[in-house]
Amino acid sequence: MKSLLSVCFFLAVPALLAAAPLPSEQQAFWDRLQTLCGQAFPGQVSDVTDYYHDALVGRELIAHGVSCDEKSMHIALHVDADRSRNWMLTIVDGTIRLKHDHRHPDGREESTSQYGGDAPVPGLPARQIFPADAHTAEILPRRADNFWFMDFVDDRRFQYGVHWPRYGHSVRLEFDLSSPIAPPPLPWGFEGPDRD
């Protein structure tokens, strides 16, 4: 009987963790993030080191809230005509998880994809930080100390960035929430009827 109870407890724990509510700070952040759903906003590089400079400075940057529901949100980052980058946020284990989904133009997932991490609780109502998780360290060992952040600076500005402390690389993108624009084409791999 004891072993049966142990098995039941073991099976129940993942379901309980997945259903765990967010701390109030993260819930406030999540609720604010969801207001971006269905909208697109122009962006610019507000801070950058040489490593990221050429790939992002002087480009047309757009953040597009592609889809969302109670437990997930998909924000595409468009860089000029490149529609490969996606920020996939989910509520998992009582926190917010950020994963970067990268796609080829034909919709296939790139070999370097699904990196990111879980935000330590509780974070701040306007800012969450996502340290690299074990999967990121496995596929990108040199980036094991990376962390990403999302930040509502105020009612008009939303920021996304990454820091790579080991090598001193970083970039911060800022999006103007006061000037929504027409949504761009859907990101690669998410154009069809099976998109999330």
C-alpha atoms as a PDB file:
ATOM      1  CA  MET A   1       0.000   0.000   0.000  1.00  0.00           C
ATOM      2  CA  LYS A   2       2.852   2.370   0.858  1.00  0.00           C
ATOM      3  CA  SER A   3       4.463   1.855  -2.544  1.00  0.00           C
ATOM      4  CA  LEU A   4       1.126   2.506  -4.263  1.00  0.00           C
ATOM      5  CA  LEU A   5       0.772   5.790  -2.390  1.00  0.00           C
ATOM      6  CA  SER A   6       4.325   6.719  -3.368  1.00  0.00           C
ATOM      7  CA  VAL A   7       3.559   6.050  -7.032  1.00  0.00           C
ATOM      8  CA  CYS A   8       0.368   8.142  -6.850  1.00  0.00           C
ATOM      9  CA  PHE A   9       2.282  10.999  -5.221  1.00  0.00           C
ATOM     10  CA  PHE A  10       5.057  10.745  -7.838  1.00  0.00           C
ATOM     11  CA  LEU A  11       2.497  10.943 -10.654  1.00  0.00           C
ATOM     12  CA  ALA A  12       0.576  13.798  -9.043  1.00  0.00           C
ATOM     13  CA  VAL A  13       3.544  16.108  -8.372  1.00  0.00           C
ATOM     14  CA  PRO A  14       4.184  17.141 -12.038  1.00  0.00           C
ATOM     15  CA  ALA A  15       0.499  17.997 -12.494  1.00  0.00           C
ATOM     16  CA  LEU A  16       0.514  20.061  -9.308  1.00  0.00           C
ATOM     17  CA  LEU A  17       3.662  21.900 -10.354  1.00  0.00           C
ATOM     18  CA  ALA A  18       2.314  22.647 -13.818  1.00  0.00           C
ATOM     19  CA  ALA A  19      -0.852  24.046 -12.255  1.00  0.00           C
ATOM     20  CA  ALA A  20       0.966  26.112  -9.614  1.00  0.00           C
ATOM     21  CA  PRO A  21      -0.140  29.749  -9.743  1.00  0.00           C
ATOM     22  CA  LEU A  22       2.340  32.464 -10.572  1.00  0.00           C
ATOM     23  CA  PRO A  23       3.574  34.750  -7.810  1.00  0.00           C
ATOM     24  CA  SER A  24       1.706  38.064  -7.903  1.00  0.00           C
ATOM     25  CA  GLU A  25       4.736  39.864  -9.407  1.00  0.00           C
ATOM     26  CA  GLN A  26       4.945  37.436 -12.313  1.00  0.00           C
ATOM     27  CA  GLN A  27       1.184  37.399 -12.778  1.00  0.00           C
ATOM     28  CA  ALA A  28       1.254  41.191 -13.114  1.00  0.00           C
ATOM     29  CA  PHE A  29       4.058  40.895 -15.687  1.00  0.00           C
ATOM     30  CA  TRP A  30       2.192  38.134 -17.565  1.00  0.00           C
ATOM     31  CA  ASP A  31      -1.031  40.131 -17.675  1.00  0.00           C
ATOM     32  CA  ARG A  32       0.828  43.124 -19.056  1.00  0.00           C
ATOM     33  CA  LEU A  33       2.640  40.994 -21.628  1.00  0.00           C
ATOM     34  CA  GLN A  34      -0.672  39.619 -22.886  1.00  0.00           C
ATOM     35  CA  THR A  35      -1.841  43.126 -23.789  1.00  0.00           C
ATOM     36  CA  LEU A  36       0.667  42.961 -26.674  1.00  0.00           C
ATOM     37  CA  CYS A  37      -1.198  40.051 -28.271  1.00  0.00           C
ATOM     38  CA  GLY A  38      -2.371  40.737 -31.817  1.00  0.00           C
ATOM     39  CA  GLN A  39      -0.368  43.951 -32.032  1.00  0.00           C
ATOM     40  CA  ALA A  40       2.968  44.903 -33.605  1.00  0.00           C
ATOM     41  CA  PHE A  41       5.408  47.581 -32.503  1.00  0.00           C
ATOM     42  CA  PRO A  42       8.464  49.206 -34.085  1.00  0.00           C
ATOM     43  CA  GLY A  43      11.778  48.850 -32.314  1.00  0.00           C
ATOM     44  CA  GLN A  44      15.349  50.024 -32.232  1.00  0.00           C
ATOM     45  CA  VAL A  45      18.625  48.988 -30.646  1.00  0.00           C
ATOM     46  CA  SER A  46      19.065  50.998 -27.464  1.00  0.00           C
ATOM     47  CA  ASP A  47      22.331  49.424 -26.258  1.00  0.00           C
ATOM     48  CA  VAL A  48      24.720  47.011 -27.969  1.00  0.00           C
ATOM     49  CA  THR A  49      28.257  45.646 -27.907  1.00  0.00           C
ATOM     50  CA  ASP A  50      30.259  44.921 -31.039  1.00  0.00           C
ATOM     51  CA  TYR A  51      29.293  41.245 -31.163  1.00  0.00           C
ATOM     52  CA  TYR A  52      25.623  42.021 -31.942  1.00  0.00           C
ATOM     53  CA  HIS A  53      26.114  45.353 -33.708  1.00  0.00           C
ATOM     54  CA  ASP A  54      26.104  44.417 -37.393  1.00  0.00           C
ATOM     55  CA  ALA A  55      23.199  41.965 -37.099  1.00  0.00           C
ATOM     56  CA  LEU A  56      20.813  44.466 -35.504  1.00  0.00           C
ATOM     57  CA  VAL A  57      21.872  48.116 -35.716  1.00  0.00           C
ATOM     58  CA  GLY A  58      20.216  49.990 -38.583  1.00  0.00           C
ATOM     59  CA  ARG A  59      17.714  47.203 -39.243  1.00  0.00           C
ATOM     60  CA  GLU A  60      13.938  47.437 -39.187  1.00  0.00           C
ATOM     61  CA  LEU A  61      12.889  45.745 -35.939  1.00  0.00           C
ATOM     62  CA  ILE A  62       9.301  44.724 -35.198  1.00  0.00           C
ATOM     63  CA  ALA A  63       7.893  42.820 -32.233  1.00  0.00           C
ATOM     64  CA  HIS A  64       4.628  41.099 -33.141  1.00  0.00           C
ATOM     65  CA  GLY A  65       2.340  39.426 -30.593  1.00  0.00           C
ATOM     66  CA  VAL A  66       1.319  36.550 -32.834  1.00  0.00           C
ATOM     67  CA  SER A  67      -0.873  34.555 -30.468  1.00  0.00           C
ATOM     68  CA  CYS A  68      -1.633  34.038 -26.812  1.00  0.00           C
ATOM     69  CA  ASP A  69      -3.804  32.197 -24.362  1.00  0.00           C
ATOM     70  CA  GLU A  70      -3.953  31.822 -20.606  1.00  0.00           C
ATOM     71  CA  LYS A  71      -0.705  29.823 -20.379  1.00  0.00           C
ATOM     72  CA  SER A  72       1.310  30.735 -23.480  1.00  0.00           C
ATOM     73  CA  MET A  73       2.369  33.637 -25.642  1.00  0.00           C
ATOM     74  CA  HIS A  74       4.167  33.791 -28.984  1.00  0.00           C
ATOM     75  CA  ILE A  75       5.982  37.004 -29.911  1.00  0.00           C
ATOM     76  CA  ALA A  76       7.802  37.152 -33.234  1.00  0.00           C
ATOM     77  CA  LEU A  77      10.854  39.366 -33.696  1.00  0.00           C
ATOM     78  CA  HIS A  78      11.196  40.527 -37.289  1.00  0.00           C
ATOM     79  CA  VAL A  79      14.564  41.869 -38.414  1.00  0.00           C
ATOM     80  CA  ASP A  80      14.117  43.437 -41.867  1.00  0.00           C
ATOM     81  CA  ALA A  81      12.663  40.601 -43.989  1.00  0.00           C
ATOM     82  CA  ASP A  82      14.015  37.900 -41.659  1.00  0.00           C
ATOM     83  CA  ARG A  83      11.030  36.228 -39.992  1.00  0.00           C
ATOM     84  CA  SER A  84      12.981  33.426 -38.292  1.00  0.00           C
ATOM     85  CA  ARG A  85      12.960  34.565 -34.665  1.00  0.00           C
ATOM     86  CA  ASN A  86      10.277  33.756 -32.103  1.00  0.00           C
ATOM     87  CA  TRP A  87       9.976  34.271 -28.358  1.00  0.00           C
ATOM     88  CA  MET A  88       7.823  31.486 -26.936  1.00  0.00           C
ATOM     89  CA  LEU A  89       6.658  32.157 -23.390  1.00  0.00           C
ATOM     90  CA  THR A  90       4.773  29.635 -21.291  1.00  0.00           C
ATOM     91  CA  ILE A  91       3.661  29.302 -17.698  1.00  0.00           C
ATOM     92  CA  VAL A  92       5.354  26.162 -16.374  1.00  0.00           C
ATOM     93  CA  ASP A  93       6.074  24.916 -12.843  1.00  0.00           C
ATOM     94  CA  GLY A  94       4.841  28.125 -11.233  1.00  0.00           C
ATOM     95  CA  THR A  95       7.030  30.462 -13.275  1.00  0.00           C
ATOM     96  CA  ILE A  96       7.423  31.920 -16.770  1.00  0.00           C
ATOM     97  CA  ARG A  97       9.605  30.081 -19.297  1.00  0.00           C
ATOM     98  CA  LEU A  98      11.182  31.795 -22.306  1.00  0.00           C
ATOM     99  CA  LYS A  99      12.340  29.743 -25.277  1.00  0.00           C
ATOM    100  CA  HIS A 100      13.761  31.028 -28.558  1.00  0.00           C
ATOM    101  CA  ASP A 101      12.298  29.225 -31.563  1.00  0.00           C
ATOM    102  CA  HIS A 102      14.242  29.752 -34.808  1.00  0.00           C
ATOM    103  CA  ARG A 103      12.914  28.719 -38.219  1.00  0.00           C
ATOM    104  CA  HIS A 104      14.146  28.463 -41.788  1.00  0.00           C
ATOM    105  CA  PRO A 105      12.052  30.136 -44.534  1.00  0.00           C
ATOM    106  CA  ASP A 106      10.473  26.745 -45.331  1.00  0.00           C
ATOM    107  CA  GLY A 107       9.304  26.449 -41.728  1.00  0.00           C
ATOM    108  CA  ARG A 108      11.816  23.839 -40.597  1.00  0.00           C
ATOM    109  CA  GLU A 109      13.327  24.464 -37.190  1.00  0.00           C
ATOM    110  CA  GLU A 110      16.944  25.618 -37.210  1.00  0.00           C
ATOM    111  CA  SER A 111      19.582  23.438 -35.561  1.00  0.00           C
ATOM    112  CA  THR A 112      20.113  26.074 -32.870  1.00  0.00           C
ATOM    113  CA  SER A 113      16.692  26.595 -31.327  1.00  0.00           C
ATOM    114  CA  GLN A 114      14.681  26.157 -28.125  1.00  0.00           C
ATOM    115  CA  TYR A 115      17.282  27.819 -25.927  1.00  0.00           C
ATOM    116  CA  GLY A 116      16.279  30.003 -22.984  1.00  0.00           C
ATOM    117  CA  GLY A 117      15.268  29.408 -19.397  1.00  0.00           C
ATOM    118  CA  ASP A 118      12.856  29.887 -16.516  1.00  0.00           C
ATOM    119  CA  ALA A 119      12.461  33.171 -14.653  1.00  0.00           C
ATOM    120  CA  PRO A 120      13.439  32.956 -10.961  1.00  0.00           C
ATOM    121  CA  VAL A 121      10.472  33.805  -8.790  1.00  0.00           C
ATOM    122  CA  PRO A 122       9.118  36.271  -8.044  1.00  0.00           C
ATOM    123  CA  GLY A 123      10.918  38.801 -10.246  1.00  0.00           C
ATOM    124  CA  LEU A 124       9.339  42.217 -10.673  1.00  0.00           C
ATOM    125  CA  PRO A 125       5.905  43.188 -12.027  1.00  0.00           C
ATOM    126  CA  ALA A 126       7.566  45.098 -14.878  1.00  0.00           C
ATOM    127  CA  ARG A 127      10.697  42.968 -15.426  1.00  0.00           C
ATOM    128  CA  GLN A 128      11.563  39.273 -15.681  1.00  0.00           C
ATOM    129  CA  ILE A 129      14.980  37.705 -16.184  1.00  0.00           C
ATOM    130  CA  PHE A 130      15.521  34.292 -17.795  1.00  0.00           C
ATOM    131  CA  PRO A 131      18.875  32.596 -17.003  1.00  0.00           C
ATOM    132  CA  ALA A 132      20.088  29.911 -19.405  1.00  0.00           C
ATOM    133  CA  ASP A 133      18.745  26.475 -18.514  1.00  0.00           C
ATOM    134  CA  ALA A 134      20.404  23.048 -18.727  1.00  0.00           C
ATOM    135  CA  HIS A 135      19.204  22.502 -22.313  1.00  0.00           C
ATOM    136  CA  THR A 136      20.789  25.795 -23.368  1.00  0.00           C
ATOM    137  CA  ALA A 137      24.064  24.846 -21.660  1.00  0.00           C
ATOM    138  CA  GLU A 138      23.992  21.521 -23.501  1.00  0.00           C
ATOM    139  CA  ILE A 139      23.404  22.866 -27.015  1.00  0.00           C
ATOM    140  CA  LEU A 140      25.320  26.149 -26.515  1.00  0.00           C
ATOM    141  CA  PRO A 141      27.953  25.432 -23.837  1.00  0.00           C
ATOM    142  CA  ARG A 142      29.739  28.757 -24.330  1.00  0.00           C
ATOM    143  CA  ARG A 143      26.447  30.509 -23.499  1.00  0.00           C
ATOM    144  CA  ALA A 144      25.720  28.653 -20.266  1.00  0.00           C
ATOM    145  CA  ASP A 145      25.892  31.934 -18.325  1.00  0.00           C
ATOM    146  CA  ASN A 146      23.579  33.843 -20.712  1.00  0.00           C
ATOM    147  CA  PHE A 147      20.482  35.510 -19.397  1.00  0.00           C
ATOM    148  CA  TRP A 148      17.676  37.220 -21.251  1.00  0.00           C
ATOM    149  CA  PHE A 149      15.298  39.843 -19.952  1.00  0.00           C
ATOM    150  CA  MET A 150      11.989  41.465 -20.803  1.00  0.00           C
ATOM    151  CA  ASP A 151      11.196  44.821 -19.272  1.00  0.00           C
ATOM    152  CA  PHE A 152       8.268  47.249 -19.358  1.00  0.00           C
ATOM    153  CA  VAL A 153      10.216  50.453 -18.761  1.00  0.00           C
ATOM    154  CA  ASP A 154       6.977  52.450 -18.605  1.00  0.00           C
ATOM    155  CA  ASP A 155       3.652  52.570 -20.458  1.00  0.00           C
ATOM    156  CA  ARG A 156       5.405  53.489 -23.700  1.00  0.00           C
ATOM    157  CA  ARG A 157       8.511  51.276 -23.798  1.00  0.00           C
ATOM    158  CA  PHE A 158       9.066  47.508 -23.786  1.00  0.00           C
ATOM    159  CA  GLN A 159      12.597  46.115 -23.836  1.00  0.00           C
ATOM    160  CA  TYR A 160      14.112  42.732 -24.644  1.00  0.00           C
ATOM    161  CA  GLY A 161      17.764  41.934 -24.254  1.00  0.00           C
ATOM    162  CA  VAL A 162      20.466  39.383 -23.634  1.00  0.00           C
ATOM    163  CA  HIS A 163      23.667  39.486 -21.590  1.00  0.00           C
ATOM    164  CA  TRP A 164      26.571  37.092 -22.138  1.00  0.00           C
ATOM    165  CA  PRO A 165      28.743  37.833 -19.079  1.00  0.00           C
ATOM    166  CA  ARG A 166      31.601  35.441 -19.868  1.00  0.00           C
ATOM    167  CA  TYR A 167      32.510  37.361 -23.012  1.00  0.00           C
ATOM    168  CA  GLY A 168      31.003  40.764 -22.222  1.00  0.00           C
ATOM    169  CA  HIS A 169      28.477  40.659 -25.075  1.00  0.00           C
ATOM    170  CA  SER A 170      25.043  42.237 -24.740  1.00  0.00           C
ATOM    171  CA  VAL A 171      22.218  43.862 -26.651  1.00  0.00           C
ATOM    172  CA  ARG A 172      19.002  45.621 -25.657  1.00  0.00           C
ATOM    173  CA  LEU A 173      16.110  46.244 -28.037  1.00  0.00           C
ATOM    174  CA  GLU A 174      13.409  48.787 -27.244  1.00  0.00           C
ATOM    175  CA  PHE A 175       9.903  48.769 -28.721  1.00  0.00           C
ATOM    176  CA  ASP A 176       7.563  51.749 -28.836  1.00  0.00           C
ATOM    177  CA  LEU A 177       4.232  50.638 -27.372  1.00  0.00           C
ATOM    178  CA  SER A 178       2.710  54.062 -28.029  1.00  0.00           C
ATOM    179  CA  SER A 179       2.968  53.590 -31.812  1.00  0.00           C
ATOM    180  CA  PRO A 180       1.463  50.236 -32.873  1.00  0.00           C
ATOM    181  CA  ILE A 181       1.818  49.419 -36.548  1.00  0.00           C
ATOM    182  CA  ALA A 182       0.103  47.021 -38.955  1.00  0.00           C
ATOM    183  CA  PRO A 183       1.175  43.448 -38.123  1.00  0.00           C
ATOM    184  CA  PRO A 184       3.796  42.067 -40.514  1.00  0.00           C
ATOM    185  CA  PRO A 185       3.477  38.689 -42.266  1.00  0.00           C
ATOM    186  CA  LEU A 186       3.432  35.750 -39.871  1.00  0.00           C
ATOM    187  CA  PRO A 187       6.827  34.290 -38.912  1.00  0.00           C
ATOM    188  CA  TRP A 188       8.249  31.424 -40.936  1.00  0.00           C
ATOM    189  CA  GLY A 189       6.729  28.082 -40.002  1.00  0.00           C
ATOM    190  CA  PHE A 190       3.608  29.612 -38.445  1.00  0.00           C
ATOM    191  CA  GLU A 191       1.718  30.751 -41.557  1.00  0.00           C
ATOM    192  CA  GLY A 192      -0.520  27.695 -42.013  1.00  0.00           C
ATOM    193  CA  PRO A 193      -3.715  26.463 -40.378  1.00  0.00           C
ATOM    194  CA  ASP A 194      -1.725  24.430 -37.836  1.00  0.00           C
ATOM    195  CA  ARG A 195       0.010  27.455 -36.341  1.00  0.00           C
ATOM    196  CA  ASP A 196      -0.358  27.930 -32.585  1.00  0.00           C
END
